[in-house]
Protein backbone atom coordinates (compact mmCIF):
# COMPACT_ATOMS: atom_id res chain seq x y z
CA MET A 1 -73.82 3.33 -47.08
CA SER A 2 -70.22 3.40 -45.93
CA GLY A 3 -69.14 4.71 -42.55
CA GLU A 4 -69.58 8.32 -43.91
CA ASN A 5 -71.87 10.59 -41.78
CA ARG A 6 -73.86 12.35 -44.48
CA THR A 7 -75.80 14.49 -42.08
CA SER A 8 -72.60 16.07 -40.36
CA GLY A 9 -70.92 16.41 -43.64
CA ILE A 10 -67.51 15.29 -42.11
CA LYS A 11 -66.40 13.29 -45.25
CA ARG A 12 -63.24 14.70 -46.65
CA GLY A 13 -62.08 14.81 -50.20
CA GLY A 14 -60.04 11.71 -51.24
CA ASN A 15 -56.48 11.66 -52.77
CA ARG A 16 -56.56 12.83 -56.23
CA ARG A 17 -54.21 11.39 -58.78
CA PRO A 18 -52.11 14.14 -60.38
CA GLY A 19 -52.42 14.76 -64.25
CA GLY A 20 -52.20 12.16 -67.09
CA HIS A 21 -54.73 9.62 -68.36
CA SER A 22 -55.22 5.84 -67.75
CA GLY A 23 -54.40 5.33 -71.50
CA SER A 24 -51.16 7.33 -71.58
CA LYS A 25 -48.45 5.42 -73.52
CA GLN A 26 -45.44 6.82 -71.79
CA PRO A 27 -45.70 7.28 -67.93
CA GLN A 28 -44.51 10.50 -66.68
CA PRO A 29 -41.42 10.28 -64.32
CA GLN A 30 -42.47 10.58 -60.56
CA ARG A 31 -41.47 13.85 -58.70
CA ARG A 32 -39.80 13.19 -55.47
CA ALA A 33 -42.39 13.85 -52.66
CA VAL A 34 -41.28 16.73 -50.57
CA THR A 35 -40.94 16.05 -46.84
CA PRO A 36 -42.66 18.11 -44.20
CA ARG A 37 -39.25 19.54 -43.24
CA GLU A 38 -38.20 20.52 -46.77
CA LEU A 39 -41.54 22.11 -47.31
CA ALA A 40 -41.28 24.08 -44.09
CA LEU A 41 -37.73 25.20 -45.02
CA ASN A 42 -38.95 26.37 -48.39
CA ILE A 43 -41.64 28.52 -46.96
CA LEU A 44 -39.35 29.85 -44.22
CA VAL A 45 -36.93 30.96 -46.75
CA LYS A 46 -39.54 32.61 -48.81
CA VAL A 47 -40.92 34.53 -45.85
CA ALA A 48 -37.46 35.60 -44.81
CA GLU A 49 -36.39 36.77 -48.21
CA THR A 50 -39.67 38.26 -49.70
CA GLY A 51 -41.75 39.18 -46.61
CA ALA A 52 -44.43 36.64 -47.84
CA TYR A 53 -47.26 35.79 -45.44
CA SER A 54 -46.54 32.43 -43.81
CA ASN A 55 -50.23 31.39 -43.71
CA ILE A 56 -50.80 32.01 -47.41
CA GLN A 57 -47.59 30.36 -48.32
CA LEU A 58 -48.29 27.33 -46.11
CA ASN A 59 -51.80 26.87 -47.39
CA ARG A 60 -50.58 27.08 -50.97
CA SER A 61 -47.77 24.76 -50.51
CA LEU A 62 -49.80 22.08 -48.59
CA GLN A 63 -52.44 22.04 -51.38
CA GLU A 64 -49.77 21.39 -54.03
CA SER A 65 -47.86 18.90 -51.91
CA GLY A 66 -50.80 16.35 -51.29
CA MET A 67 -49.34 15.38 -47.86
CA SER A 68 -51.06 13.32 -45.23
CA ARG A 69 -52.75 15.06 -42.46
CA ALA A 70 -49.97 14.11 -40.06
CA ASP A 71 -47.36 15.43 -42.38
CA ALA A 72 -49.22 18.58 -43.04
CA ALA A 73 -49.73 19.19 -39.25
CA LEU A 74 -45.98 18.64 -38.88
CA ALA A 75 -45.00 21.16 -41.56
CA THR A 76 -47.48 23.77 -39.97
CA GLU A 77 -46.01 23.31 -36.71
CA LEU A 78 -42.40 23.83 -38.00
CA VAL A 79 -43.23 26.95 -39.97
CA TYR A 80 -45.32 28.78 -37.28
CA GLY A 81 -43.03 27.57 -34.37
CA THR A 82 -39.70 28.47 -36.11
CA ILE A 83 -40.94 31.99 -37.05
CA GLY A 84 -42.52 32.56 -33.65
CA ARG A 85 -39.41 31.40 -31.70
CA GLN A 86 -36.78 32.73 -33.97
CA ALA A 87 -35.23 35.30 -31.46
CA THR A 88 -34.86 32.52 -28.87
CA LEU A 89 -33.45 30.16 -31.26
CA ASP A 90 -30.88 32.69 -32.62
CA TYR A 91 -29.82 33.50 -29.16
CA TRP A 92 -29.00 29.82 -28.48
CA LEU A 93 -27.65 29.10 -32.08
CA SER A 94 -25.21 32.00 -31.68
CA LYS A 95 -23.37 30.09 -28.90
CA PHE A 96 -22.67 27.29 -31.43
CA VAL A 97 -22.11 28.95 -34.69
CA ALA A 98 -18.64 30.20 -34.54
CA LYS A 99 -18.35 32.55 -37.51
CA GLY A 100 -21.81 34.25 -36.44
CA LEU A 101 -25.36 33.91 -37.76
CA HIS A 102 -25.16 36.94 -39.86
CA LYS A 103 -22.63 35.28 -42.29
CA LEU A 104 -24.96 32.36 -43.16
CA ASP A 105 -26.80 32.10 -46.34
CA THR A 106 -30.49 32.55 -45.69
CA TRP A 107 -31.39 28.91 -46.19
CA VAL A 108 -28.72 27.57 -44.00
CA HIS A 109 -29.83 29.99 -41.20
CA GLN A 110 -33.46 28.78 -41.60
CA LEU A 111 -32.44 25.16 -41.72
CA LEU A 112 -30.62 25.59 -38.36
CA ARG A 113 -33.50 27.40 -36.80
CA LEU A 114 -35.95 24.78 -38.19
CA SER A 115 -33.82 21.93 -36.73
CA ALA A 116 -32.98 23.64 -33.43
CA TYR A 117 -36.84 24.38 -32.90
CA GLN A 118 -37.34 20.55 -33.13
CA LEU A 119 -34.63 19.68 -30.78
CA LEU A 120 -35.51 22.36 -28.18
CA PHE A 121 -39.27 22.67 -28.40
CA LEU A 122 -40.74 19.52 -29.79
CA ASP A 123 -40.38 16.59 -27.34
CA ARG A 124 -42.18 14.18 -29.63
CA ILE A 125 -39.62 14.53 -32.43
CA PRO A 126 -36.62 12.15 -32.18
CA SER A 127 -33.37 13.98 -32.22
CA HIS A 128 -31.65 11.71 -34.71
CA ALA A 129 -34.60 12.39 -37.16
CA ALA A 130 -34.24 16.09 -36.96
CA VAL A 131 -30.58 16.03 -37.30
CA ASN A 132 -30.17 13.47 -39.88
CA GLU A 133 -32.66 15.06 -42.20
CA ALA A 134 -31.16 18.59 -41.66
CA VAL A 135 -27.82 17.03 -42.68
CA THR A 136 -29.41 15.34 -45.92
CA ILE A 137 -30.99 18.58 -46.79
CA ALA A 138 -27.72 20.45 -46.53
CA LYS A 139 -25.87 18.01 -48.62
CA ARG A 140 -28.41 18.29 -51.34
CA ARG A 141 -28.48 22.07 -51.24
CA GLY A 142 -24.97 22.87 -50.32
CA HIS A 143 -21.51 21.26 -50.07
CA ALA A 144 -19.73 19.02 -47.60
CA GLY A 145 -18.41 21.91 -45.49
CA ILE A 146 -22.05 23.26 -44.97
CA SER A 147 -23.54 19.95 -44.17
CA GLY A 148 -20.55 19.15 -41.76
CA MET A 149 -21.20 22.34 -40.02
CA VAL A 150 -24.89 21.71 -39.73
CA ASN A 151 -24.24 18.30 -38.30
CA GLY A 152 -21.77 19.80 -35.78
CA VAL A 153 -23.84 22.65 -34.58
CA LEU A 154 -27.09 20.43 -34.17
CA ARG A 155 -25.39 17.63 -32.44
CA SER A 156 -23.73 20.10 -30.06
CA ILE A 157 -27.18 21.63 -29.27
CA ASP A 158 -28.74 18.19 -28.78
CA ARG A 159 -25.90 17.19 -26.30
CA GLY A 160 -26.33 20.49 -24.40
CA LYS A 161 -30.04 20.91 -24.67
CA ASP A 162 -30.63 20.17 -20.91
CA GLU A 163 -28.64 23.46 -20.15
CA LEU A 164 -30.76 25.47 -22.68
CA LYS A 165 -33.72 26.51 -20.70
CA LEU A 166 -36.02 29.56 -21.25
CA SER A 167 -36.10 30.01 -17.37
CA ASP A 168 -32.28 30.44 -17.44
CA ILE A 169 -32.32 33.44 -20.04
CA ARG A 170 -31.52 36.65 -18.40
CA ALA A 171 -31.22 40.06 -19.94
CA GLU A 172 -30.40 43.48 -18.61
CA THR A 173 -34.10 44.34 -17.84
CA PRO A 174 -37.31 42.47 -17.10
CA VAL A 175 -38.55 43.70 -20.44
CA ALA A 176 -35.54 42.55 -22.37
CA THR A 177 -35.66 39.18 -20.49
CA LEU A 178 -39.37 38.49 -21.65
CA ALA A 179 -38.53 39.53 -25.12
CA LEU A 180 -35.87 36.91 -25.36
CA ARG A 181 -37.50 34.24 -23.53
CA HIS A 182 -40.72 34.33 -25.58
CA SER A 183 -39.20 35.73 -28.64
CA TYR A 184 -40.75 39.16 -29.45
CA PRO A 185 -39.12 42.50 -30.42
CA GLU A 186 -38.23 44.33 -27.29
CA TRP A 187 -40.09 47.53 -28.38
CA LEU A 188 -43.39 45.68 -28.54
CA VAL A 189 -43.00 43.94 -25.18
CA ARG A 190 -42.24 47.45 -23.64
CA ARG A 191 -45.46 48.85 -25.15
CA TRP A 192 -47.46 45.97 -23.74
CA ALA A 193 -45.79 46.10 -20.32
CA ASP A 194 -46.73 49.81 -19.99
CA THR A 195 -50.27 49.01 -20.96
CA PHE A 196 -50.99 45.77 -19.27
CA GLY A 197 -48.20 45.23 -16.70
CA LEU A 198 -45.43 42.61 -16.82
CA GLU A 199 -47.51 39.57 -15.56
CA THR A 200 -50.40 40.05 -18.16
CA THR A 201 -47.83 40.86 -20.79
CA GLU A 202 -46.04 37.51 -20.18
CA ALA A 203 -49.32 35.71 -20.52
CA ILE A 204 -50.01 37.61 -23.80
CA LEU A 205 -46.44 36.50 -25.07
CA ALA A 206 -46.77 33.00 -24.18
CA SER A 207 -50.15 32.66 -25.66
CA GLY A 208 -48.90 34.00 -28.98
CA ASN A 209 -46.38 31.10 -29.13
CA GLU A 210 -49.11 28.44 -28.74
CA PRO A 211 -50.50 26.68 -31.93
CA PRO A 212 -53.95 28.04 -32.86
CA HIS A 213 -56.90 25.64 -32.43
CA ALA A 214 -59.69 25.05 -35.11
CA SER A 215 -62.95 26.51 -34.66
CA ILE A 216 -66.07 26.55 -36.85
CA ARG A 217 -69.21 28.91 -36.91
CA VAL A 218 -72.35 26.88 -37.37
CA ASN A 219 -74.76 28.19 -40.11
CA THR A 220 -77.72 28.54 -37.76
CA MET A 221 -80.12 29.10 -40.75
CA LEU A 222 -79.63 25.40 -41.51
CA ALA A 223 -79.21 23.88 -37.99
CA SER A 224 -78.59 24.70 -34.41
CA ARG A 225 -75.12 24.69 -32.95
CA ASP A 226 -76.24 21.82 -30.65
CA GLN A 227 -77.46 19.78 -33.48
CA ARG A 228 -74.07 20.22 -35.28
CA LEU A 229 -72.10 19.63 -32.19
CA ARG A 230 -73.83 16.13 -31.68
CA GLU A 231 -73.12 15.17 -35.35
CA LEU A 232 -69.51 16.22 -35.19
CA GLN A 233 -69.13 14.17 -31.85
CA GLU A 234 -71.04 10.96 -33.32
CA SER A 235 -68.56 11.29 -36.39
CA GLY A 236 -65.66 10.57 -33.86
CA LEU A 237 -64.27 14.29 -33.79
CA ASP A 238 -63.26 15.99 -30.51
CA ALA A 239 -65.66 18.76 -30.72
CA GLN A 240 -66.80 21.09 -27.90
CA PRO A 241 -69.01 24.18 -27.73
CA SER A 242 -67.05 27.50 -27.93
CA ALA A 243 -66.75 29.05 -24.46
CA VAL A 244 -67.20 32.52 -25.82
CA ALA A 245 -69.09 32.32 -29.21
CA PRO A 246 -72.66 31.51 -29.23
CA SER A 247 -72.43 29.70 -32.65
CA GLY A 248 -68.89 28.49 -32.30
CA ILE A 249 -67.53 25.02 -31.99
CA VAL A 250 -63.83 24.07 -31.17
CA VAL A 251 -62.54 21.11 -33.19
CA ARG A 252 -59.37 19.44 -31.93
CA GLY A 253 -57.53 16.98 -34.09
CA GLY A 254 -59.94 17.28 -36.98
CA GLY A 255 -57.43 18.59 -39.61
CA ASN A 256 -58.46 21.18 -42.01
CA MET A 257 -62.21 21.78 -41.37
CA ALA A 258 -62.51 23.65 -44.69
CA ASP A 259 -61.73 20.41 -46.45
CA THR A 260 -64.93 18.60 -45.55
CA GLU A 261 -68.32 18.04 -47.08
CA GLY A 262 -69.98 20.08 -44.24
CA PHE A 263 -67.91 23.15 -45.18
CA ARG A 264 -68.55 22.64 -49.06
CA HIS A 265 -72.26 22.26 -48.38
CA GLY A 266 -72.41 25.52 -46.17
CA LEU A 267 -73.11 23.87 -42.96
CA TRP A 268 -70.30 25.82 -41.23
CA SER A 269 -67.59 28.40 -41.74
CA VAL A 270 -64.04 28.23 -40.39
CA GLN A 271 -63.52 31.35 -38.22
CA ASP A 272 -61.79 32.22 -35.01
CA GLU A 273 -64.00 32.40 -31.92
CA SER A 274 -63.21 36.01 -31.24
CA SER A 275 -63.84 37.00 -34.79
CA MET A 276 -67.38 35.49 -34.36
CA LEU A 277 -68.30 37.82 -31.65
CA VAL A 278 -68.31 40.92 -34.00
CA ALA A 279 -71.36 40.04 -35.96
CA GLU A 280 -73.06 38.92 -32.69
CA VAL A 281 -72.44 42.35 -31.17
CA VAL A 282 -73.70 44.14 -34.34
CA ALA A 283 -76.77 41.97 -33.56
CA PRO A 284 -78.64 42.74 -36.91
CA LYS A 285 -82.33 41.95 -37.20
CA PRO A 286 -84.06 40.41 -40.14
CA GLY A 287 -85.05 43.13 -42.68
CA MET A 288 -82.36 45.44 -41.76
CA LYS A 289 -79.89 47.44 -44.01
CA VAL A 290 -76.37 46.81 -42.99
CA LEU A 291 -73.04 47.70 -44.26
CA ASP A 292 -69.74 45.95 -43.69
CA CYS A 293 -67.07 48.37 -44.76
CA CYS A 294 -64.02 46.24 -44.88
CA ALA A 295 -65.52 42.79 -45.53
CA ALA A 296 -63.20 40.56 -47.31
CA PRO A 297 -62.88 37.49 -47.13
CA GLY A 298 -66.59 37.85 -46.08
CA GLY A 299 -66.82 35.85 -42.78
CA LYS A 300 -68.46 38.62 -40.66
CA SER A 301 -70.73 39.65 -43.58
CA ALA A 302 -71.97 36.07 -43.97
CA HIS A 303 -72.48 35.78 -40.24
CA MET A 304 -74.66 38.86 -39.98
CA ALA A 305 -76.60 37.62 -43.17
CA GLU A 306 -77.19 34.43 -41.16
CA LEU A 307 -78.36 36.28 -38.05
CA MET A 308 -80.70 38.10 -40.36
CA GLU A 309 -82.20 34.83 -41.31
CA GLY A 310 -81.63 35.81 -44.99
CA LYS A 311 -83.96 38.81 -44.83
CA GLY A 312 -83.06 42.37 -45.48
CA LYS A 313 -79.61 43.21 -46.97
CA VAL A 314 -75.91 43.33 -46.15
CA TRP A 315 -73.42 45.12 -48.40
CA ALA A 316 -70.09 43.75 -48.13
CA ASN A 317 -67.62 46.10 -49.39
CA ASP A 318 -63.79 45.71 -49.83
CA LEU A 319 -61.12 48.03 -51.50
CA HIS A 320 -59.69 45.43 -53.74
CA ALA A 321 -61.57 44.01 -56.71
CA HIS A 322 -59.96 40.58 -56.44
CA LYS A 323 -61.08 39.99 -52.87
CA ARG A 324 -64.63 40.53 -53.97
CA GLU A 325 -64.58 37.06 -55.32
CA LEU A 326 -63.63 35.79 -51.91
CA ILE A 327 -66.88 37.34 -50.54
CA VAL A 328 -69.05 35.97 -53.44
CA SER A 329 -67.52 32.49 -52.86
CA GLN A 330 -68.50 32.68 -49.08
CA THR A 331 -72.04 33.62 -49.65
CA GLU A 332 -72.68 31.29 -52.48
CA ARG A 333 -71.40 28.29 -50.37
CA LEU A 334 -73.57 29.30 -47.59
CA LYS A 335 -76.42 29.97 -49.94
CA LEU A 336 -77.07 33.45 -48.71
CA ARG A 337 -79.15 35.54 -51.12
CA ASN A 338 -79.17 38.72 -48.87
CA VAL A 339 -75.46 39.72 -49.38
CA GLU A 340 -74.28 42.01 -52.16
CA ALA A 341 -70.54 41.94 -52.61
CA ILE A 342 -69.23 45.49 -53.70
CA THR A 343 -65.74 47.14 -54.41
CA GLY A 344 -64.75 50.50 -53.32
CA ASP A 345 -62.66 52.71 -51.02
CA ALA A 346 -64.09 52.57 -47.42
CA ALA A 347 -63.01 56.10 -47.09
CA LYS A 348 -65.39 57.25 -49.76
CA LEU A 349 -68.62 55.16 -49.17
CA SER A 350 -70.68 58.35 -48.76
CA GLU A 351 -70.41 58.73 -52.55
CA ARG A 352 -72.18 55.50 -53.04
CA PHE A 353 -74.66 55.41 -49.97
CA LYS A 354 -76.90 58.04 -48.69
CA GLU A 355 -76.07 59.83 -45.51
CA GLN A 356 -77.75 58.09 -42.50
CA SER A 357 -79.18 55.28 -44.74
CA MET A 358 -77.99 52.18 -42.66
CA ASP A 359 -79.66 50.33 -39.69
CA ALA A 360 -76.06 49.14 -38.82
CA VAL A 361 -72.60 49.65 -40.02
CA LEU A 362 -69.50 47.49 -39.18
CA LEU A 363 -66.12 48.90 -39.48
CA ASP A 364 -63.79 45.91 -39.06
CA ALA A 365 -60.80 48.19 -39.54
CA PRO A 366 -57.41 47.62 -40.99
CA CYS A 367 -54.90 47.43 -38.02
CA SER A 368 -51.54 46.20 -36.68
CA GLY A 369 -52.92 42.59 -36.23
CA PHE A 370 -51.05 41.84 -33.06
CA GLY A 371 -53.94 39.79 -31.85
CA VAL A 372 -53.42 37.15 -34.37
CA ILE A 373 -49.69 36.53 -33.99
CA ARG A 374 -50.10 32.71 -33.36
CA ARG A 375 -51.73 32.50 -36.81
CA LYS A 376 -49.40 34.93 -38.49
CA PRO A 377 -46.07 35.01 -36.30
CA GLU A 378 -44.06 37.12 -38.79
CA ILE A 379 -46.36 40.17 -37.89
CA LYS A 380 -44.25 40.69 -34.72
CA TRP A 381 -41.18 40.89 -36.74
CA ASN A 382 -42.34 43.03 -39.62
CA LYS A 383 -44.29 45.73 -37.85
CA THR A 384 -42.91 48.89 -36.37
CA GLU A 385 -44.09 51.52 -33.87
CA GLY A 386 -44.37 53.88 -36.84
CA ASP A 387 -46.78 51.44 -38.47
CA ILE A 388 -49.04 51.69 -35.54
CA ALA A 389 -49.42 55.46 -35.69
CA GLU A 390 -49.98 55.32 -39.48
CA ILE A 391 -52.52 52.71 -39.31
CA ALA A 392 -54.32 54.62 -36.48
CA ALA A 393 -54.59 57.64 -38.72
CA LEU A 394 -56.22 55.66 -41.45
CA GLN A 395 -58.64 54.13 -38.85
CA ARG A 396 -59.76 57.63 -37.75
CA GLN A 397 -60.57 58.55 -41.40
CA LEU A 398 -62.42 55.29 -41.89
CA LEU A 399 -64.50 55.57 -38.64
CA LYS A 400 -65.56 59.21 -39.58
CA GLU A 401 -66.71 58.08 -42.99
CA ALA A 402 -68.56 54.84 -41.64
CA SER A 403 -70.34 56.90 -38.87
CA GLY A 404 -72.04 59.30 -41.41
CA LEU A 405 -74.00 56.36 -42.87
CA VAL A 406 -75.67 55.36 -39.55
CA ARG A 407 -79.22 56.46 -39.15
CA PRO A 408 -80.38 58.03 -35.87
CA GLY A 409 -80.92 55.19 -33.39
CA GLY A 410 -78.68 52.90 -35.58
CA THR A 411 -75.62 50.89 -34.60
CA LEU A 412 -72.08 51.52 -35.45
CA VAL A 413 -69.58 48.66 -34.40
CA TYR A 414 -65.87 49.12 -34.69
CA SER A 415 -63.62 46.21 -34.40
CA THR A 416 -59.85 45.27 -34.80
CA CYS A 417 -57.74 42.21 -34.28
CA THR A 418 -55.19 43.94 -32.39
CA ILE A 419 -54.49 44.87 -28.71
CA GLU A 420 -53.04 48.21 -29.12
CA LYS A 421 -54.86 50.96 -27.15
CA GLU A 422 -53.91 53.60 -29.69
CA GLU A 423 -55.89 51.67 -32.27
CA ASN A 424 -58.62 50.64 -29.87
CA GLU A 425 -59.74 52.44 -26.66
CA GLU A 426 -57.98 55.67 -27.52
CA GLN A 427 -59.42 55.60 -30.92
CA ILE A 428 -62.91 55.26 -29.80
CA ALA A 429 -62.42 57.92 -27.07
CA ALA A 430 -61.24 60.38 -29.71
CA PHE A 431 -64.03 59.54 -32.02
CA LEU A 432 -66.79 59.93 -29.30
CA ALA A 433 -65.16 63.30 -28.22
CA GLU A 434 -65.56 64.61 -31.79
CA HIS A 435 -68.96 63.19 -32.51
CA PRO A 436 -71.35 63.82 -29.49
CA ASP A 437 -74.18 62.51 -31.31
CA PHE A 438 -72.70 58.89 -30.79
CA GLU A 439 -72.33 57.01 -27.46
CA LEU A 440 -71.06 53.75 -26.32
CA ASP A 441 -73.89 51.04 -26.16
CA ALA A 442 -73.64 48.31 -23.66
CA ASP A 443 -76.72 46.57 -24.87
CA TRP A 444 -74.99 43.64 -26.13
CA PRO A 445 -76.78 40.28 -26.64
CA GLU A 446 -76.92 38.47 -23.32
CA ALA A 447 -75.60 35.28 -24.84
CA VAL A 448 -72.47 37.07 -25.32
CA LEU A 449 -72.31 39.08 -22.12
CA SER A 450 -73.05 36.04 -19.89
CA ARG A 451 -70.10 34.06 -21.29
CA LEU A 452 -67.79 37.11 -20.84
CA ARG A 453 -69.02 37.61 -17.28
CA GLU A 454 -68.46 33.98 -16.39
CA ALA A 455 -64.91 34.19 -17.60
CA GLY A 456 -64.23 37.33 -15.64
CA ILE A 457 -63.42 39.32 -18.67
CA ILE A 458 -66.09 41.92 -18.10
CA GLY A 459 -67.61 43.19 -14.79
CA THR A 460 -70.38 45.65 -13.75
CA PRO A 461 -70.66 48.19 -15.04
CA PHE A 462 -69.96 47.50 -18.50
CA ASP A 463 -69.68 50.39 -21.06
CA GLY A 464 -69.98 48.61 -24.36
CA GLN A 465 -66.43 48.03 -25.40
CA LEU A 466 -64.34 44.82 -25.06
CA GLN A 467 -60.66 44.03 -25.36
CA LEU A 468 -60.08 40.34 -25.53
CA LEU A 469 -56.52 39.22 -25.10
CA PRO A 470 -55.11 36.00 -26.68
CA HIS A 471 -54.84 34.20 -23.32
CA HIS A 472 -58.41 34.77 -22.31
CA PHE A 473 -59.88 32.00 -24.36
CA GLY A 474 -56.92 30.76 -26.39
CA SER A 475 -58.41 32.74 -29.51
CA ASP A 476 -57.36 35.75 -31.32
CA GLY A 477 -56.90 39.12 -29.45
CA PHE A 478 -59.83 41.34 -30.58
CA TYR A 479 -61.26 44.75 -29.81
CA ILE A 480 -65.01 45.34 -30.15
CA ALA A 481 -66.94 48.67 -29.56
CA ARG A 482 -70.58 49.00 -30.15
CA MET A 483 -71.96 52.50 -30.51
CA THR A 484 -75.36 53.97 -31.13
CA ARG A 485 -76.25 57.32 -32.91
CA ARG A 486 -78.59 59.16 -30.67
CA PRO A 487 -82.07 59.59 -32.10
């Protein structure tokens, strides 16, 4: 055997030679390999011009590029960091672009942002590397005037970067100052300041600009978390148990954990730690009938099936037919036989299932997504206050529909990946006022509660609902409420 650890499944796929056969008579011309900065620029332009999701574009582009792990990590950092910091970058760039940023072509504007981000936020990137490649790209895509302007602007920023400090940014109000320093729309900062106060809001803003860490959920039907943890550590990875999720492991510097033998063989799934808590709070038992109303891509459905030890039934529903395949792919990889992926409108599930027929129902509702900004930074620029009200109205409809399927004594769990009270606490308060046959249920698994108490996230008494903020564990912002239908 080679140095591969077959038990832990850490072996990653080797480099694959693109196209062609060994017996080809005429070798195909080699296409110039794209650099991390070029790839990042292409994605930034597409996101800016079409509203594409950065994470989807990035994953697709990296798969096609065949980049090394180090280059892929740099491209990822450049995409997320540039989008996340764009307001601050524009604030500083506007001091050096004489004609104004609004007159620049999209690709030039994004190139300047991308390069300024490296100069001002990435200490490990040599200034000459960032400037020189930006000029090379500008020459290739534009003309001498553009490349000259790019060169002049970036060299001016590099010379004056000691004076470009976040702490020196001042605006008319504390909210506006925070918005500029941390690069968020002012209306969103104002909402959070009204809800959480300025100090906590600043912690939320800063956390949203940090790079996300990788975490995996161990398939406990095959092995315990401790066993997988030992195997990962023995293979040389920096792996630590999650501070919040009982089946979670945080892996640093391990690259794409979905591109491993362990993932392909169903030993683990890639999932954020906060998201892992949702199925734990549902706490389904073997033999139960469970419905996941908005299931794609299927992570929570699979987790519930694992907790049920493969016994009973989980119906994993999603509105979109093409997303059903994502759920099927998850459950097949994990070798779960107790999950049925179905397609339908979550607002019409009562047409498919009998009233009060489920032991547990999970509504992981569509939401504004403000808890996952570090993974999808464009969210903060694309959403509006009107979107929040519109989404909250949909959530009320889905919650009413889902509740009708819960049997007396059964469990209803509502979750979102946002930190907006209108979508979370206020949503549940309104639901309970209209449905007196339901009540909040604080009987969460002790494995979850003990971790939350140790971190000071919850106290006594605990009423059965939790708002995790992005800075609490460095994971996604998530809201979870567990309710019971009175017998």
